[in-house]
C-alpha atoms as a PDB file:
ATOM      1  CA  MET A   1      -4.249   3.610 -11.213  1.00  0.00           C
ATOM      2  CA  ASN A   2      -5.486   1.198 -13.867  1.00  0.00           C
ATOM      3  CA  GLY A   3      -8.403   3.390 -14.859  1.00  0.00           C
ATOM      4  CA  ARG A   4     -10.653   2.932 -11.854  1.00  0.00           C
ATOM      5  CA  THR A   5     -11.356   5.083  -8.857  1.00  0.00           C
ATOM      6  CA  THR A   6     -10.241   3.829  -5.497  1.00  0.00           C
ATOM      7  CA  THR A   7     -12.041   4.546  -2.273  1.00  0.00           C
ATOM      8  CA  VAL A   8     -10.168   5.878   0.720  1.00  0.00           C
ATOM      9  CA  SER A   9     -10.359   2.514   2.466  1.00  0.00           C
ATOM     10  CA  GLU A  10      -9.040   0.700  -0.597  1.00  0.00           C
ATOM     11  CA  ARG A  11      -6.207   3.180  -0.895  1.00  0.00           C
ATOM     12  CA  SER A  12      -5.218   2.950   2.769  1.00  0.00           C
ATOM     13  CA  GLU A  13      -5.447  -0.832   2.500  1.00  0.00           C
ATOM     14  CA  ALA A  14      -3.066  -0.770  -0.446  1.00  0.00           C
ATOM     15  CA  ILE A  15      -0.713   1.510   1.478  1.00  0.00           C
ATOM     16  CA  ALA A  16      -0.807  -0.897   4.409  1.00  0.00           C
ATOM     17  CA  ASP A  17      -0.082  -3.826   2.079  1.00  0.00           C
ATOM     18  CA  THR A  18       2.851  -1.958   0.580  1.00  0.00           C
ATOM     19  CA  ALA A  19       4.229  -1.072   3.995  1.00  0.00           C
ATOM     20  CA  GLN A  20       3.837  -4.653   5.163  1.00  0.00           C
ATOM     21  CA  ALA A  21       5.557  -6.059   2.087  1.00  0.00           C
ATOM     22  CA  ARG A  22       8.337  -3.511   2.433  1.00  0.00           C
ATOM     23  CA  SER A  23       8.923  -4.275   6.109  1.00  0.00           C
ATOM     24  CA  SER A  24       8.820  -8.027   5.521  1.00  0.00           C
ATOM     25  CA  SER A  25      11.534  -7.653   2.905  1.00  0.00           C
ATOM     26  CA  GLY A  26      13.543  -5.687   5.446  1.00  0.00           C
ATOM     27  CA  GLU A  27      13.343  -2.427   3.552  1.00  0.00           C
ATOM     28  CA  VAL A  28      11.619   0.150   5.711  1.00  0.00           C
ATOM     29  CA  ARG A  29      11.637   3.752   4.568  1.00  0.00           C
ATOM     30  CA  SER A  30       9.306   6.423   5.866  1.00  0.00           C
END
């Protein structure tokens, strides 16, 4: 990911953001 290391919290935050965006667009896939 764009050449920098991500911490676990940053990564889980990004995953949460992605899941939230996906569910808000009505596209939920697990």
